């Protein structure tokens, strides 16, 4: 829920809505989205998982490392690039 309500989540939702109707989505809007991506990603800082204690006990191993922005930023960029470029590649 935190991710959906974050600046990043709201911008991603807006992008999805616009991409589904490409006649409403300009190259300028795409450039703005890319330029604002890093800033909107920062809005996810402070995210805390809301995993109930029961689900934690189901894990195979105890978590020994806490992730920070340097750990998940490359993964987020890769995931974002894949999700936004796949529809464009499929249209070719």
PDB file of N, CA and C in Angstrom:
ATOM      1  N   UNK A   1       0.817  -1.176   0.000  1.00  0.00           N
ATOM      2  CA  UNK A   1       0.000   0.000   0.000  1.00  0.00           C
ATOM      3  C   UNK A   1       0.873   1.256   0.000  1.00  0.00           C
ATOM      4  N   UNK A   2       1.979   1.207   0.761  1.00  0.00           N
ATOM      5  CA  UNK A   2       2.889   2.349   0.821  1.00  0.00           C
ATOM      6  C   UNK A   2       3.398   2.686  -0.571  1.00  0.00           C
ATOM      7  N   UNK A   3       3.817   1.653  -1.322  1.00  0.00           N
ATOM      8  CA  UNK A   3       4.375   1.878  -2.663  1.00  0.00           C
ATOM      9  C   UNK A   3       3.337   2.477  -3.600  1.00  0.00           C
ATOM     10  N   UNK A   4       2.094   2.044  -3.489  1.00  0.00           N
ATOM     11  CA  UNK A   4       1.036   2.553  -4.366  1.00  0.00           C
ATOM     12  C   UNK A   4       0.751   4.023  -4.079  1.00  0.00           C
ATOM     13  N   UNK A   5       0.815   4.405  -2.799  1.00  0.00           N
ATOM     14  CA  UNK A   5       0.506   5.777  -2.413  1.00  0.00           C
ATOM     15  C   UNK A   5       1.711   6.710  -2.555  1.00  0.00           C
ATOM     16  N   UNK A   6       2.886   6.161  -2.761  1.00  0.00           N
ATOM     17  CA  UNK A   6       4.086   6.980  -2.883  1.00  0.00           C
ATOM     18  C   UNK A   6       4.067   7.774  -4.191  1.00  0.00           C
ATOM     19  N   UNK A   7       4.934   8.754  -4.275  1.00  0.00           N
ATOM     20  CA  UNK A   7       5.049   9.542  -5.512  1.00  0.00           C
ATOM     21  C   UNK A   7       5.367   8.617  -6.673  1.00  0.00           C
ATOM     22  N   UNK A   8       6.263   7.663  -6.451  1.00  0.00           N
ATOM     23  CA  UNK A   8       6.640   6.709  -7.492  1.00  0.00           C
ATOM     24  C   UNK A   8       5.424   5.900  -7.947  1.00  0.00           C
ATOM     25  N   UNK A   9       4.650   5.382  -7.001  1.00  0.00           N
ATOM     26  CA  UNK A   9       3.479   4.585  -7.341  1.00  0.00           C
ATOM     27  C   UNK A   9       2.445   5.378  -8.111  1.00  0.00           C
ATOM     28  N   UNK A  10       2.242   6.627  -7.715  1.00  0.00           N
ATOM     29  CA  UNK A  10       1.277   7.469  -8.407  1.00  0.00           C
ATOM     30  C   UNK A  10       1.739   7.787  -9.825  1.00  0.00           C
ATOM     31  N   UNK A  11       3.040   8.054  -9.989  1.00  0.00           N
ATOM     32  CA  UNK A  11       3.550   8.341 -11.331  1.00  0.00           C
ATOM     33  C   UNK A  11       3.482   7.105 -12.214  1.00  0.00           C
ATOM     34  N   UNK A  12       3.782   5.940 -11.651  1.00  0.00           N
ATOM     35  CA  UNK A  12       3.707   4.708 -12.431  1.00  0.00           C
ATOM     36  C   UNK A  12       2.262   4.426 -12.838  1.00  0.00           C
ATOM     37  N   UNK A  13       1.317   4.669 -11.932  1.00  0.00           N
ATOM     38  CA  UNK A  13      -0.098   4.488 -12.264  1.00  0.00           C
ATOM     39  C   UNK A  13      -0.537   5.425 -13.380  1.00  0.00           C
ATOM     40  N   UNK A  14      -0.055   6.649 -13.318  1.00  0.00           N
ATOM     41  CA  UNK A  14      -0.379   7.622 -14.362  1.00  0.00           C
ATOM     42  C   UNK A  14       0.218   7.188 -15.699  1.00  0.00           C
ATOM     43  N   UNK A  15       1.454   6.699 -15.663  1.00  0.00           N
ATOM     44  CA  UNK A  15       2.096   6.222 -16.885  1.00  0.00           C
ATOM     45  C   UNK A  15       1.293   5.080 -17.497  1.00  0.00           C
ATOM     46  N   UNK A  16       0.887   4.128 -16.663  1.00  0.00           N
ATOM     47  CA  UNK A  16       0.103   2.996 -17.175  1.00  0.00           C
ATOM     48  C   UNK A  16      -1.188   3.475 -17.834  1.00  0.00           C
ATOM     49  N   UNK A  17      -1.862   4.417 -17.195  1.00  0.00           N
ATOM     50  CA  UNK A  17      -3.117   4.929 -17.756  1.00  0.00           C
ATOM     51  C   UNK A  17      -2.870   5.600 -19.102  1.00  0.00           C
ATOM     52  N   UNK A  18      -1.780   6.342 -19.213  1.00  0.00           N
ATOM     53  CA  UNK A  18      -1.479   7.037 -20.467  1.00  0.00           C
ATOM     54  C   UNK A  18      -1.011   6.093 -21.562  1.00  0.00           C
ATOM     55  N   UNK A  19      -0.250   5.085 -21.203  1.00  0.00           N
ATOM     56  CA  UNK A  19       0.279   4.149 -22.196  1.00  0.00           C
ATOM     57  C   UNK A  19      -0.852   3.328 -22.808  1.00  0.00           C
ATOM     58  N   UNK A  20      -1.885   3.075 -22.031  1.00  0.00           N
ATOM     59  CA  UNK A  20      -3.023   2.322 -22.567  1.00  0.00           C
ATOM     60  C   UNK A  20      -3.793   3.129 -23.599  1.00  0.00           C
ATOM     61  N   UNK A  21      -3.565   4.424 -23.618  1.00  0.00           N
ATOM     62  CA  UNK A  21      -4.193   5.291 -24.611  1.00  0.00           C
ATOM     63  C   UNK A  21      -3.089   6.142 -25.238  1.00  0.00           C
ATOM     64  N   UNK A  22      -2.262   5.522 -26.091  1.00  0.00           N
ATOM     65  CA  UNK A  22      -1.076   6.208 -26.602  1.00  0.00           C
ATOM     66  C   UNK A  22      -1.334   7.532 -27.305  1.00  0.00           C
ATOM     67  N   UNK A  23      -2.528   7.736 -27.823  1.00  0.00           N
ATOM     68  CA  UNK A  23      -2.793   9.010 -28.474  1.00  0.00           C
ATOM     69  C   UNK A  23      -2.742  10.166 -27.467  1.00  0.00           C
ATOM     70  N   UNK A  24      -2.830   9.866 -26.171  1.00  0.00           N
ATOM     71  CA  UNK A  24      -2.790  10.894 -25.139  1.00  0.00           C
ATOM     72  C   UNK A  24      -1.411  11.049 -24.510  1.00  0.00           C
ATOM     73  N   UNK A  25      -0.459  10.244 -24.907  1.00  0.00           N
ATOM     74  CA  UNK A  25       0.852  10.223 -24.256  1.00  0.00           C
ATOM     75  C   UNK A  25       1.906  10.699 -25.251  1.00  0.00           C
ATOM     76  N   UNK A  26       2.474  11.859 -24.974  1.00  0.00           N
ATOM     77  CA  UNK A  26       3.430  12.453 -25.913  1.00  0.00           C
ATOM     78  C   UNK A  26       4.865  12.064 -25.564  1.00  0.00           C
ATOM     79  N   UNK A  27       5.757  12.302 -26.504  1.00  0.00           N
ATOM     80  CA  UNK A  27       7.181  12.066 -26.264  1.00  0.00           C
ATOM     81  C   UNK A  27       7.680  12.971 -25.139  1.00  0.00           C
ATOM     82  N   UNK A  28       7.148  14.175 -25.059  1.00  0.00           N
ATOM     83  CA  UNK A  28       7.529  15.096 -23.991  1.00  0.00           C
ATOM     84  C   UNK A  28       7.159  14.560 -22.615  1.00  0.00           C
ATOM     85  N   UNK A  29       5.974  13.950 -22.530  1.00  0.00           N
ATOM     86  CA  UNK A  29       5.551  13.353 -21.256  1.00  0.00           C
ATOM     87  C   UNK A  29       6.454  12.175 -20.887  1.00  0.00           C
ATOM     88  N   UNK A  30       6.848  11.387 -21.885  1.00  0.00           N
ATOM     89  CA  UNK A  30       7.761  10.263 -21.638  1.00  0.00           C
ATOM     90  C   UNK A  30       9.111  10.778 -21.150  1.00  0.00           C
ATOM     91  N   UNK A  31       9.631  11.821 -21.767  1.00  0.00           N
ATOM     92  CA  UNK A  31      10.905  12.398 -21.343  1.00  0.00           C
ATOM     93  C   UNK A  31      10.817  12.925 -19.913  1.00  0.00           C
ATOM     94  N   UNK A  32       9.685  13.578 -19.574  1.00  0.00           N
ATOM     95  CA  UNK A  32       9.489  14.093 -18.218  1.00  0.00           C
ATOM     96  C   UNK A  32       9.441  12.943 -17.224  1.00  0.00           C
ATOM     97  N   UNK A  33       8.740  11.863 -17.574  1.00  0.00           N
ATOM     98  CA  UNK A  33       8.660  10.701 -16.691  1.00  0.00           C
ATOM     99  C   UNK A  33      10.049  10.149 -16.408  1.00  0.00           C
ATOM    100  N   UNK A  34      10.860   9.996 -17.462  1.00  0.00           N
ATOM    101  CA  UNK A  34      12.215   9.470 -17.278  1.00  0.00           C
ATOM    102  C   UNK A  34      13.061  10.420 -16.436  1.00  0.00           C
ATOM    103  N   UNK A  35      12.917  11.719 -16.664  1.00  0.00           N
ATOM    104  CA  UNK A  35      13.707  12.702 -15.914  1.00  0.00           C
ATOM    105  C   UNK A  35      13.324  12.706 -14.438  1.00  0.00           C
ATOM    106  N   UNK A  36      12.063  12.462 -14.128  1.00  0.00           N
ATOM    107  CA  UNK A  36      11.580  12.483 -12.743  1.00  0.00           C
ATOM    108  C   UNK A  36      11.703  11.136 -12.048  1.00  0.00           C
ATOM    109  N   UNK A  37      12.138  10.107 -12.765  1.00  0.00           N
ATOM    110  CA  UNK A  37      12.139   8.753 -12.214  1.00  0.00           C
ATOM    111  C   UNK A  37      12.956   8.633 -10.933  1.00  0.00           C
ATOM    112  N   UNK A  38      14.188   9.115 -10.927  1.00  0.00           N
ATOM    113  CA  UNK A  38      15.046   8.993  -9.742  1.00  0.00           C
ATOM    114  C   UNK A  38      14.419   9.676  -8.533  1.00  0.00           C
ATOM    115  N   UNK A  39      13.853  10.861  -8.745  1.00  0.00           N
ATOM    116  CA  UNK A  39      13.233  11.585  -7.648  1.00  0.00           C
ATOM    117  C   UNK A  39      12.026  10.831  -7.109  1.00  0.00           C
ATOM    118  N   UNK A  40      11.215  10.296  -8.002  1.00  0.00           N
ATOM    119  CA  UNK A  40      10.030   9.569  -7.535  1.00  0.00           C
ATOM    120  C   UNK A  40      10.426   8.271  -6.843  1.00  0.00           C
ATOM    121  N   UNK A  41      11.529   7.665  -7.267  1.00  0.00           N
ATOM    122  CA  UNK A  41      12.002   6.447  -6.622  1.00  0.00           C
ATOM    123  C   UNK A  41      12.408   6.728  -5.183  1.00  0.00           C
ATOM    124  N   UNK A  42      12.955   7.903  -4.932  1.00  0.00           N
ATOM    125  CA  UNK A  42      13.352   8.286  -3.575  1.00  0.00           C
ATOM    126  C   UNK A  42      12.137   8.315  -2.650  1.00  0.00           C
ATOM    127  N   UNK A  43      10.952   8.544  -3.207  1.00  0.00           N
ATOM    128  CA  UNK A  43       9.752   8.584  -2.375  1.00  0.00           C
ATOM    129  C   UNK A  43       9.466   7.241  -1.712  1.00  0.00           C
ATOM    130  N   UNK A  44      10.118   6.178  -2.173  1.00  0.00           N
ATOM    131  CA  UNK A  44       9.945   4.864  -1.546  1.00  0.00           C
ATOM    132  C   UNK A  44      10.839   4.682  -0.328  1.00  0.00           C
ATOM    133  N   UNK A  45      11.766   5.612  -0.085  1.00  0.00           N
ATOM    134  CA  UNK A  45      12.596   5.534   1.116  1.00  0.00           C
ATOM    135  C   UNK A  45      11.694   5.509   2.340  1.00  0.00           C
ATOM    136  N   UNK A  46      12.059   4.723   3.292  1.00  0.00           N
ATOM    137  CA  UNK A  46      11.261   4.624   4.502  1.00  0.00           C
ATOM    138  C   UNK A  46      10.245   3.506   4.446  1.00  0.00           C
ATOM    139  N   UNK A  47      10.181   2.811   3.308  1.00  0.00           N
ATOM    140  CA  UNK A  47       9.236   1.709   3.188  1.00  0.00           C
ATOM    141  C   UNK A  47       9.582   0.614   4.183  1.00  0.00           C
ATOM    142  N   UNK A  48       8.608   0.176   4.903  1.00  0.00           N
ATOM    143  CA  UNK A  48       8.769  -0.932   5.849  1.00  0.00           C
ATOM    144  C   UNK A  48       7.761  -2.006   5.464  1.00  0.00           C
ATOM    145  N   UNK A  49       8.246  -3.218   5.358  1.00  0.00           N
ATOM    146  CA  UNK A  49       7.330  -4.303   5.032  1.00  0.00           C
ATOM    147  C   UNK A  49       6.357  -4.513   6.182  1.00  0.00           C
ATOM    148  N   UNK A  50       5.178  -4.939   5.846  1.00  0.00           N
ATOM    149  CA  UNK A  50       4.153  -5.182   6.852  1.00  0.00           C
ATOM    150  C   UNK A  50       3.882  -6.680   6.923  1.00  0.00           C
ATOM    151  N   UNK A  51       4.950  -7.436   7.123  1.00  0.00           N
ATOM    152  CA  UNK A  51       4.833  -8.889   7.158  1.00  0.00           C
ATOM    153  C   UNK A  51       4.478  -9.320   8.577  1.00  0.00           C
ATOM    154  N   UNK A  52       3.359  -9.984   8.733  1.00  0.00           N
ATOM    155  CA  UNK A  52       2.998 -10.469  10.070  1.00  0.00           C
ATOM    156  C   UNK A  52       4.035 -11.459  10.609  1.00  0.00           C
ATOM    157  N   UNK A  53       4.125 -11.534  11.898  1.00  0.00           N
ATOM    158  CA  UNK A  53       5.096 -12.419  12.550  1.00  0.00           C
ATOM    159  C   UNK A  53       4.946 -13.856  12.063  1.00  0.00           C
ATOM    160  N   UNK A  54       3.733 -14.294  11.810  1.00  0.00           N
ATOM    161  CA  UNK A  54       3.515 -15.662  11.332  1.00  0.00           C
ATOM    162  C   UNK A  54       4.228 -15.896  10.011  1.00  0.00           C
ATOM    163  N   UNK A  55       4.145 -14.942   9.102  1.00  0.00           N
ATOM    164  CA  UNK A  55       4.815 -15.113   7.819  1.00  0.00           C
ATOM    165  C   UNK A  55       6.327 -15.111   7.986  1.00  0.00           C
ATOM    166  N   UNK A  56       6.837 -14.336   8.928  1.00  0.00           N
ATOM    167  CA  UNK A  56       8.281 -14.334   9.167  1.00  0.00           C
ATOM    168  C   UNK A  56       8.773 -15.706   9.607  1.00  0.00           C
ATOM    169  N   UNK A  57       8.002 -16.384  10.418  1.00  0.00           N
ATOM    170  CA  UNK A  57       8.451 -17.692  10.911  1.00  0.00           C
ATOM    171  C   UNK A  57       8.459 -18.735   9.800  1.00  0.00           C
ATOM    172  N   UNK A  58       7.784 -18.479   8.684  1.00  0.00           N
ATOM    173  CA  UNK A  58       7.770 -19.422   7.568  1.00  0.00           C
ATOM    174  C   UNK A  58       9.028 -19.335   6.699  1.00  0.00           C
ATOM    175  N   UNK A  59       9.794 -18.263   6.885  1.00  0.00           N
ATOM    176  CA  UNK A  59      11.004 -18.109   6.079  1.00  0.00           C
ATOM    177  C   UNK A  59      11.984 -19.242   6.366  1.00  0.00           C
ATOM    178  N   UNK A  60      12.699 -19.646   5.346  1.00  0.00           N
ATOM    179  CA  UNK A  60      13.662 -20.719   5.475  1.00  0.00           C
ATOM    180  C   UNK A  60      14.840 -20.320   6.365  1.00  0.00           C
ATOM    181  N   UNK A  61      15.330 -19.096   6.162  1.00  0.00           N
ATOM    182  CA  UNK A  61      16.461 -18.590   6.939  1.00  0.00           C
ATOM    183  C   UNK A  61      16.127 -17.216   7.487  1.00  0.00           C
ATOM    184  N   UNK A  62      16.753 -16.879   8.592  1.00  0.00           N
ATOM    185  CA  UNK A  62      16.568 -15.554   9.169  1.00  0.00           C
ATOM    186  C   UNK A  62      17.256 -14.516   8.283  1.00  0.00           C
ATOM    187  N   UNK A  63      16.659 -13.360   8.140  1.00  0.00           N
ATOM    188  CA  UNK A  63      17.255 -12.282   7.358  1.00  0.00           C
ATOM    189  C   UNK A  63      18.437 -11.723   8.136  1.00  0.00           C
ATOM    190  N   UNK A  64      19.606 -11.720   7.492  1.00  0.00           N
ATOM    191  CA  UNK A  64      20.789 -11.217   8.202  1.00  0.00           C
ATOM    192  C   UNK A  64      21.268  -9.880   7.648  1.00  0.00           C
ATOM    193  N   UNK A  65      20.834  -9.532   6.453  1.00  0.00           N
ATOM    194  CA  UNK A  65      21.237  -8.259   5.857  1.00  0.00           C
ATOM    195  C   UNK A  65      20.005  -7.411   5.585  1.00  0.00           C
ATOM    196  N   UNK A  66      20.118  -6.141   5.878  1.00  0.00           N
ATOM    197  CA  UNK A  66      19.050  -5.213   5.531  1.00  0.00           C
ATOM    198  C   UNK A  66      19.433  -4.510   4.247  1.00  0.00           C
ATOM    199  N   UNK A  67      18.491  -4.437   3.319  1.00  0.00           N
ATOM    200  CA  UNK A  67      18.754  -3.774   2.054  1.00  0.00           C
ATOM    201  C   UNK A  67      18.703  -2.265   2.224  1.00  0.00           C
ATOM    202  N   UNK A  68      19.497  -1.590   1.437  1.00  0.00           N
ATOM    203  CA  UNK A  68      19.430  -0.130   1.406  1.00  0.00           C
ATOM    204  C   UNK A  68      19.242   0.307  -0.044  1.00  0.00           C
ATOM    205  N   UNK A  69      19.185   1.600  -0.260  1.00  0.00           N
ATOM    206  CA  UNK A  69      18.914   2.131  -1.600  1.00  0.00           C
ATOM    207  C   UNK A  69      19.930   1.637  -2.628  1.00  0.00           C
ATOM    208  N   UNK A  70      21.186   1.498  -2.232  1.00  0.00           N
ATOM    209  CA  UNK A  70      22.209   1.031  -3.166  1.00  0.00           C
ATOM    210  C   UNK A  70      21.956  -0.409  -3.605  1.00  0.00           C
ATOM    211  N   UNK A  71      21.302  -1.195  -2.751  1.00  0.00           N
ATOM    212  CA  UNK A  71      21.019  -2.587  -3.080  1.00  0.00           C
ATOM    213  C   UNK A  71      19.853  -2.725  -4.048  1.00  0.00           C
ATOM    214  N   UNK A  72      18.783  -1.971  -3.835  1.00  0.00           N
ATOM    215  CA  UNK A  72      17.594  -2.192  -4.648  1.00  0.00           C
ATOM    216  C   UNK A  72      17.438  -1.242  -5.826  1.00  0.00           C
ATOM    217  N   UNK A  73      18.180  -0.161  -5.881  1.00  0.00           N
ATOM    218  CA  UNK A  73      18.039   0.788  -6.993  1.00  0.00           C
ATOM    219  C   UNK A  73      18.345   0.153  -8.353  1.00  0.00           C
ATOM    220  N   UNK A  74      19.442  -0.610  -8.512  1.00  0.00           N
ATOM    221  CA  UNK A  74      19.698  -1.231  -9.820  1.00  0.00           C
ATOM    222  C   UNK A  74      18.580  -2.212 -10.219  1.00  0.00           C
ATOM    223  N   UNK A  75      18.091  -2.974  -9.259  1.00  0.00           N
ATOM    224  CA  UNK A  75      17.003  -3.904  -9.548  1.00  0.00           C
ATOM    225  C   UNK A  75      15.753  -3.136  -9.975  1.00  0.00           C
ATOM    226  N   UNK A  76      15.438  -2.059  -9.269  1.00  0.00           N
ATOM    227  CA  UNK A  76      14.249  -1.259  -9.601  1.00  0.00           C
ATOM    228  C   UNK A  76      14.389  -0.653 -10.989  1.00  0.00           C
ATOM    229  N   UNK A  77      15.579  -0.153 -11.322  1.00  0.00           N
ATOM    230  CA  UNK A  77      15.793   0.425 -12.652  1.00  0.00           C
ATOM    231  C   UNK A  77      15.614  -0.628 -13.736  1.00  0.00           C
ATOM    232  N   UNK A  78      16.185  -1.806 -13.510  1.00  0.00           N
ATOM    233  CA  UNK A  78      16.084  -2.891 -14.483  1.00  0.00           C
ATOM    234  C   UNK A  78      14.615  -3.298 -14.672  1.00  0.00           C
ATOM    235  N   UNK A  79      13.899  -3.472 -13.584  1.00  0.00           N
ATOM    236  CA  UNK A  79      12.495  -3.843 -13.643  1.00  0.00           C
ATOM    237  C   UNK A  79      11.684  -2.764 -14.351  1.00  0.00           C
ATOM    238  N   UNK A  80      11.943  -1.537 -14.016  1.00  0.00           N
ATOM    239  CA  UNK A  80      11.241  -0.408 -14.640  1.00  0.00           C
ATOM    240  C   UNK A  80      11.515  -0.366 -16.137  1.00  0.00           C
ATOM    241  N   UNK A  81      12.776  -0.496 -16.525  1.00  0.00           N
ATOM    242  CA  UNK A  81      13.126  -0.463 -17.951  1.00  0.00           C
ATOM    243  C   UNK A  81      12.442  -1.584 -18.718  1.00  0.00           C
ATOM    244  N   UNK A  82      12.416  -2.779 -18.133  1.00  0.00           N
ATOM    245  CA  UNK A  82      11.759  -3.906 -18.795  1.00  0.00           C
ATOM    246  C   UNK A  82      10.267  -3.649 -18.975  1.00  0.00           C
ATOM    247  N   UNK A  83       9.626  -3.188 -17.921  1.00  0.00           N
ATOM    248  CA  UNK A  83       8.173  -3.005 -17.974  1.00  0.00           C
ATOM    249  C   UNK A  83       7.761  -1.873 -18.901  1.00  0.00           C
ATOM    250  N   UNK A  84       8.587  -0.868 -19.016  1.00  0.00           N
ATOM    251  CA  UNK A  84       8.203   0.245 -19.874  1.00  0.00           C
ATOM    252  C   UNK A  84       8.629   0.036 -21.315  1.00  0.00           C
ATOM    253  N   UNK A  85       9.675  -0.756 -21.551  1.00  0.00           N
ATOM    254  CA  UNK A  85      10.133  -0.942 -22.932  1.00  0.00           C
ATOM    255  C   UNK A  85       9.495  -2.151 -23.605  1.00  0.00           C
ATOM    256  N   UNK A  86       9.009  -3.138 -22.837  1.00  0.00           N
ATOM    257  CA  UNK A  86       8.401  -4.319 -23.450  1.00  0.00           C
ATOM    258  C   UNK A  86       7.229  -3.969 -24.363  1.00  0.00           C
ATOM    259  N   UNK A  87       6.284  -3.120 -23.923  1.00  0.00           N
ATOM    260  CA  UNK A  87       5.178  -2.787 -24.837  1.00  0.00           C
ATOM    261  C   UNK A  87       5.658  -2.104 -26.120  1.00  0.00           C
ATOM    262  N   UNK A  88       6.665  -1.252 -25.987  1.00  0.00           N
ATOM    263  CA  UNK A  88       7.190  -0.562 -27.179  1.00  0.00           C
ATOM    264  C   UNK A  88       7.862  -1.565 -28.110  1.00  0.00           C
ATOM    265  N   UNK A  89       8.597  -2.517 -27.554  1.00  0.00           N
ATOM    266  CA  UNK A  89       9.271  -3.529 -28.385  1.00  0.00           C
ATOM    267  C   UNK A  89       8.253  -4.446 -29.071  1.00  0.00           C
ATOM    268  N   UNK A  90       7.164  -4.734 -28.373  1.00  0.00           N
ATOM    269  CA  UNK A  90       6.155  -5.614 -28.951  1.00  0.00           C
ATOM    270  C   UNK A  90       5.437  -4.958 -30.115  1.00  0.00           C
ATOM    271  N   UNK A  91       5.412  -3.633 -30.141  1.00  0.00           N
ATOM    272  CA  UNK A  91       4.711  -2.903 -31.210  1.00  0.00           C
ATOM    273  C   UNK A  91       5.514  -2.852 -32.501  1.00  0.00           C
ATOM    274  N   UNK A  92       6.780  -3.169 -32.415  1.00  0.00           N
ATOM    275  CA  UNK A  92       7.648  -3.083 -33.621  1.00  0.00           C
ATOM    276  C   UNK A  92       7.373  -4.217 -34.572  1.00  0.00           C
TER     277      UNK A  92
END
